[in-house]
Amino acid sequence: MKMNEIHIRDPFILPYEGVYYMYGSRGGAQQGFDVYTSTDLEEWNGPKAVFLNSDEFWAEKDFWAPEVHFYNGKFYMFATFISGTRKRGTQILVSDTPDGTFVPHSDGPITPADWMALDGTLYLSPEGKPYMVFCHEWVQIGDGTMCAVELSKDLSRPVSEPVLLWHASDPEMTVDIGGGYVTDGPFFVKKEDQLLCIWSGFDKNGYIEIVSRSDNGRLDGNWSHDSELLFTKDGGHGMIFTTFEGQLKFVCHSPNKSPLERPNLRDIELVKEDGLWKLRCVK
């Protein structure tokens, strides 16, 4: 398969031992997660199911935004779910292999039980402490927020209360889409002593990819938001990875309209200007 034949949202690509593993939210019925594999980012095999809903699992729908991180010898999937009796939240699953069956690791969602929350991602502090950064959803609070919670070393539970990083309305370009401002899909990039976060919201032209930065290179810094967008063509919920040849790549879904979403892969560059590292798509 080519990428333009794969119908997923929220693509996430994990390079591991010569193979690229791509996960995402299924198009249509969302009762599980698949993985696609490639050795060249051109031809893809799959899909292979790596998690399927069952009577034993608590969630009923909105199986969203799986991303997989290799941590302490295992593969941890951060994914979002909801049920008729529990609010939307991000739970952590685990597998011994990137294409194996993932099973619940945390006891339900890591996000607060009374919050509508989604799109958790793993962040490691300079000291190696694990955190989950996630979105407190605009459908509940109007002005969506980006929040962080410290995790136990084994990623099984939160060990702090959530802290606010920023509001969806903070960047100058974001707009109210009719009921609120959106935060989606955080993903972090570290370079030297600087910390960047890419995430998605909406401007007047549609879904976009924003670059934000901490003034102290840590989660607890003051966050500002670049006026230059990383992606502007009605696409977003992206992430960045490095190929086996050392090239930085950005992948998101585009367009942001069902059932037309497809993974959109771009070369990007990280360049230093006036002391700040900047992310730009180059094609």
Protein backbone atom coordinates (compact mmCIF):
# COMPACT_ATOMS: atom_id res chain seq x y z
CA MET A 1 0.00 0.00 0.00
CA LYS A 2 0.98 3.61 -0.54
CA MET A 3 0.31 6.23 2.14
CA ASN A 4 -2.47 7.76 0.09
CA GLU A 5 -4.31 4.42 0.27
CA ILE A 6 -4.26 4.29 4.08
CA HIS A 7 -7.28 5.84 5.79
CA ILE A 8 -6.26 6.89 9.30
CA ARG A 9 -6.25 10.03 11.41
CA ASP A 10 -3.60 11.07 13.93
CA PRO A 11 -0.70 9.10 12.38
CA PHE A 12 2.24 8.20 14.61
CA ILE A 13 5.41 6.59 13.21
CA LEU A 14 7.85 4.66 15.40
CA PRO A 15 11.22 3.74 13.81
CA TYR A 16 12.57 0.57 15.42
CA GLU A 17 15.28 -1.87 14.29
CA GLY A 18 15.05 -1.06 10.58
CA VAL A 19 11.25 -0.95 10.38
CA TYR A 20 8.83 1.97 10.52
CA TYR A 21 5.65 1.21 12.49
CA MET A 22 2.69 3.51 11.78
CA TYR A 23 -0.32 3.70 14.09
CA GLY A 24 -3.40 5.91 13.95
CA SER A 25 -7.12 6.33 14.58
CA ARG A 26 -9.04 4.03 12.27
CA GLY A 27 -11.31 5.58 9.67
CA GLY A 28 -14.95 4.63 10.12
CA ALA A 29 -15.67 2.17 12.94
CA GLN A 30 -13.28 2.86 15.81
CA GLN A 31 -13.16 -0.25 17.97
CA GLY A 32 -9.45 -0.93 17.90
CA PHE A 33 -6.02 0.04 16.61
CA ASP A 34 -3.85 -1.22 13.75
CA VAL A 35 -0.22 -0.98 12.76
CA TYR A 36 1.22 -0.59 9.25
CA THR A 37 4.88 -1.41 8.58
CA SER A 38 7.43 -0.22 6.03
CA THR A 39 11.19 -0.29 5.49
CA ASP A 40 11.30 2.71 3.12
CA LEU A 41 8.31 4.94 4.03
CA GLU A 42 6.96 4.32 0.52
CA GLU A 43 5.46 0.82 0.49
CA TRP A 44 3.41 -0.20 3.52
CA ASN A 45 2.14 -3.57 4.72
CA GLY A 46 -0.95 -4.05 6.85
CA PRO A 47 -3.12 -3.30 8.55
CA LYS A 48 -2.43 -5.65 11.44
CA ALA A 49 -4.67 -5.29 14.50
CA VAL A 50 -2.70 -4.62 17.70
CA PHE A 51 -5.63 -3.81 20.00
CA LEU A 52 -9.30 -4.77 19.71
CA ASN A 53 -12.24 -3.90 21.93
CA SER A 54 -13.66 -6.68 24.08
CA ASP A 55 -16.34 -7.23 26.70
CA GLU A 56 -13.66 -6.95 29.38
CA PHE A 57 -12.52 -3.48 28.29
CA TRP A 58 -14.29 -0.44 29.75
CA ALA A 59 -14.54 1.78 26.65
CA GLU A 60 -17.25 1.74 24.01
CA LYS A 61 -16.20 4.22 21.32
CA ASP A 62 -13.83 7.01 20.26
CA PHE A 63 -10.75 4.80 20.06
CA TRP A 64 -8.44 7.69 19.17
CA ALA A 65 -4.85 8.78 18.64
CA PRO A 66 -2.66 5.79 19.56
CA GLU A 67 1.01 6.60 19.85
CA VAL A 68 3.69 4.08 20.84
CA HIS A 69 6.88 4.83 22.79
CA PHE A 70 9.76 2.46 23.52
CA TYR A 71 10.55 2.89 27.22
CA ASN A 72 12.54 0.67 29.59
CA GLY A 73 12.47 -2.30 27.24
CA LYS A 74 8.75 -2.33 26.44
CA PHE A 75 6.39 -0.57 24.03
CA TYR A 76 3.80 1.69 25.64
CA MET A 77 0.73 2.88 23.77
CA PHE A 78 -0.96 6.10 24.88
CA ALA A 79 -4.52 6.07 23.52
CA THR A 80 -7.84 7.81 24.13
CA PHE A 81 -11.23 6.20 24.86
CA ILE A 82 -14.73 6.97 26.16
CA SER A 83 -17.80 5.08 27.38
CA GLY A 84 -21.37 5.90 28.30
CA THR A 85 -20.47 5.96 31.98
CA ARG A 86 -16.87 7.28 31.95
CA LYS A 87 -15.54 10.49 30.44
CA ARG A 88 -13.04 10.56 27.61
CA GLY A 89 -9.47 10.03 28.76
CA THR A 90 -6.04 8.67 27.84
CA GLN A 91 -5.05 5.21 29.08
CA ILE A 92 -1.66 3.50 28.75
CA LEU A 93 -1.35 0.03 27.15
CA VAL A 94 1.76 -2.14 26.86
CA SER A 95 3.28 -4.79 24.58
CA ASP A 96 6.61 -6.62 24.35
CA THR A 97 6.84 -5.85 20.61
CA PRO A 98 5.78 -2.89 18.45
CA ASP A 99 3.41 -5.04 16.38
CA GLY A 100 2.19 -7.36 19.13
CA THR A 101 -1.03 -7.34 21.07
CA PHE A 102 -1.27 -4.38 23.43
CA VAL A 103 -2.96 -4.91 26.79
CA PRO A 104 -4.07 -2.40 29.45
CA HIS A 105 -1.20 -1.20 31.65
CA SER A 106 -2.66 1.67 33.66
CA ASP A 107 -5.84 1.10 35.66
CA GLY A 108 -8.12 3.03 33.35
CA PRO A 109 -7.30 6.53 32.12
CA ILE A 110 -4.38 8.47 33.56
CA THR A 111 -6.33 11.71 32.99
CA PRO A 112 -8.69 12.94 35.76
CA ALA A 113 -11.96 10.99 35.95
CA ASP A 114 -14.13 14.12 35.88
CA TRP A 115 -12.34 15.70 32.89
CA MET A 116 -13.01 15.31 29.19
CA ALA A 117 -9.41 14.77 28.09
CA LEU A 118 -7.51 13.28 25.17
CA ASP A 119 -4.28 12.90 23.19
CA GLY A 120 -1.79 12.01 25.91
CA THR A 121 1.88 11.85 24.91
CA LEU A 122 5.02 10.76 26.78
CA TYR A 123 7.58 13.38 27.81
CA LEU A 124 10.82 12.66 29.70
CA SER A 125 12.37 15.47 31.75
CA PRO A 126 16.11 16.18 31.59
CA GLU A 127 16.39 14.06 34.77
CA GLY A 128 14.49 11.19 33.14
CA LYS A 129 11.20 11.66 35.01
CA PRO A 130 8.21 10.54 32.89
CA TYR A 131 5.27 12.85 32.32
CA MET A 132 2.12 12.62 30.27
CA VAL A 133 1.14 15.81 28.47
CA PHE A 134 -2.48 15.87 27.33
CA CYS A 135 -5.38 18.10 26.33
CA HIS A 136 -8.23 19.13 28.62
CA GLU A 137 -10.92 19.21 25.98
CA TRP A 138 -12.64 22.32 24.71
CA VAL A 139 -16.02 20.53 24.62
CA GLN A 140 -16.01 20.65 28.43
CA ILE A 141 -14.22 23.90 29.26
CA GLY A 142 -14.63 26.08 26.14
CA ASP A 143 -11.00 27.21 25.94
CA GLY A 144 -9.06 23.95 25.64
CA THR A 145 -5.83 23.62 27.60
CA MET A 146 -2.54 21.75 27.45
CA CYS A 147 -1.73 20.06 30.74
CA ALA A 148 0.99 17.83 32.22
CA VAL A 149 0.96 15.17 34.92
CA GLU A 150 3.96 13.31 36.35
CA LEU A 151 3.83 9.52 36.01
CA SER A 152 5.23 6.73 38.14
CA LYS A 153 8.48 5.27 36.83
CA ASP A 154 6.61 2.25 35.45
CA LEU A 155 4.03 4.50 33.71
CA SER A 156 1.17 2.79 35.52
CA ARG A 157 -0.32 5.77 37.40
CA PRO A 158 -0.16 9.53 37.93
CA VAL A 159 1.92 10.76 40.87
CA SER A 160 0.99 14.45 40.73
CA GLU A 161 -1.99 16.66 40.05
CA PRO A 162 -2.26 18.06 36.48
CA VAL A 163 -0.62 21.42 35.86
CA LEU A 164 -1.62 23.95 33.20
CA LEU A 165 0.88 24.69 30.42
CA TRP A 166 -1.20 26.97 28.14
CA HIS A 167 -4.66 27.72 26.74
CA ALA A 168 -5.77 27.09 23.16
CA SER A 169 -6.61 30.79 22.77
CA ASP A 170 -3.09 31.94 23.72
CA PRO A 171 -1.57 31.88 20.17
CA GLU A 172 -2.58 34.93 18.16
CA MET A 173 -3.82 32.90 15.16
CA THR A 174 -6.24 30.49 16.87
CA VAL A 175 -10.00 31.06 16.55
CA ASP A 176 -13.20 29.97 18.26
CA ILE A 177 -14.68 27.22 16.05
CA GLY A 178 -18.16 27.73 17.48
CA GLY A 179 -18.22 26.87 21.15
CA GLY A 180 -14.55 26.96 21.94
CA TYR A 181 -10.85 26.88 21.13
CA VAL A 182 -9.24 23.49 20.41
CA THR A 183 -6.06 21.83 21.70
CA ASP A 184 -5.11 18.55 19.99
CA GLY A 185 -2.16 16.19 19.65
CA PRO A 186 0.91 17.49 21.55
CA PHE A 187 4.34 16.14 20.59
CA PHE A 188 7.72 17.32 21.92
CA VAL A 189 11.06 18.03 20.24
CA LYS A 190 14.23 18.69 22.24
CA LYS A 191 17.28 20.40 20.74
CA GLU A 192 20.25 21.39 22.88
CA ASP A 193 18.71 23.22 25.86
CA GLN A 194 15.49 24.14 24.06
CA LEU A 195 12.09 22.43 24.25
CA LEU A 196 9.51 22.75 21.47
CA CYS A 197 5.99 21.33 21.31
CA ILE A 198 3.94 20.90 18.16
CA TRP A 199 0.16 20.66 18.53
CA SER A 200 -3.03 21.40 16.60
CA GLY A 201 -5.82 23.92 16.78
CA PHE A 202 -7.79 25.99 14.30
CA ASP A 203 -7.19 29.29 12.56
CA LYS A 204 -9.52 31.06 10.14
CA ASN A 205 -8.50 28.66 7.34
CA GLY A 206 -8.96 25.37 9.20
CA TYR A 207 -6.92 22.79 11.10
CA ILE A 208 -3.28 23.78 11.66
CA GLU A 209 -0.02 22.66 13.28
CA ILE A 210 1.40 25.15 15.81
CA VAL A 211 4.92 25.32 17.26
CA SER A 212 5.24 26.39 20.91
CA ARG A 213 8.38 26.79 23.02
CA SER A 214 9.37 26.92 26.67
CA ASP A 215 11.59 29.77 27.83
CA ASN A 216 13.65 27.51 30.12
CA GLY A 217 13.73 24.30 28.09
CA ARG A 218 11.44 22.51 30.55
CA LEU A 219 7.74 21.80 30.96
CA ASP A 220 7.47 24.31 33.82
CA GLY A 221 8.74 27.23 31.72
CA ASN A 222 6.72 30.08 30.28
CA TRP A 223 5.35 28.95 26.93
CA SER A 224 5.18 31.16 23.84
CA HIS A 225 3.81 30.34 20.40
CA ASP A 226 5.54 30.93 17.06
CA SER A 227 3.63 33.01 14.52
CA GLU A 228 5.00 30.78 11.73
CA LEU A 229 2.92 27.59 11.46
CA LEU A 230 4.47 24.20 10.73
CA PHE A 231 1.49 23.06 8.61
CA THR A 232 -1.32 25.22 7.23
CA LYS A 233 -3.17 23.11 4.65
CA ASP A 234 -6.15 21.81 6.68
CA GLY A 235 -4.12 19.12 8.40
CA GLY A 236 -2.66 18.42 11.78
CA HIS A 237 -2.37 16.14 14.80
CA GLY A 238 1.20 15.48 13.75
CA MET A 239 4.45 14.16 15.13
CA ILE A 240 8.14 14.24 14.23
CA PHE A 241 10.59 11.36 13.90
CA THR A 242 14.10 10.75 12.56
CA THR A 243 14.61 8.27 9.72
CA PHE A 244 17.29 5.59 9.85
CA GLU A 245 19.31 7.85 7.52
CA GLY A 246 19.10 10.78 9.96
CA GLN A 247 16.45 12.88 8.16
CA LEU A 248 13.79 14.65 10.23
CA LYS A 249 10.24 13.88 9.07
CA PHE A 250 6.86 15.32 10.00
CA VAL A 251 3.66 13.31 9.56
CA CYS A 252 0.08 14.47 10.11
CA HIS A 253 -3.34 13.69 8.68
CA SER A 254 -4.69 15.84 5.89
CA PRO A 255 -7.29 16.95 4.98
CA ASN A 256 -9.13 17.16 8.29
CA LYS A 257 -12.37 15.90 6.76
CA SER A 258 -13.85 12.39 6.96
CA PRO A 259 -13.52 10.10 5.08
CA LEU A 260 -10.74 11.85 3.14
CA GLU A 261 -8.00 11.84 5.83
CA ARG A 262 -4.68 10.30 4.83
CA PRO A 263 -1.18 10.38 6.37
CA ASN A 264 0.79 13.31 4.98
CA LEU A 265 4.58 12.87 5.23
CA ARG A 266 6.95 15.85 4.86
CA ASP A 267 10.65 16.53 5.19
CA ILE A 268 11.32 19.15 7.82
CA GLU A 269 14.35 21.07 8.97
CA LEU A 270 15.43 22.34 12.36
CA VAL A 271 17.37 25.57 11.91
CA LYS A 272 18.73 28.07 14.43
CA GLU A 273 17.78 31.72 14.01
CA ASP A 274 18.66 34.42 16.54
CA GLY A 275 19.46 31.74 19.08
CA LEU A 276 16.14 29.90 18.68
CA TRP A 277 15.62 26.53 17.01
CA LYS A 278 12.88 26.72 14.37
CA LEU A 279 10.91 23.90 12.72
CA ARG A 280 9.94 24.23 9.04
CA CYS A 281 8.48 21.92 6.42
CA VAL A 282 10.74 21.87 3.36
CA LYS A 283 8.37 20.09 0.96
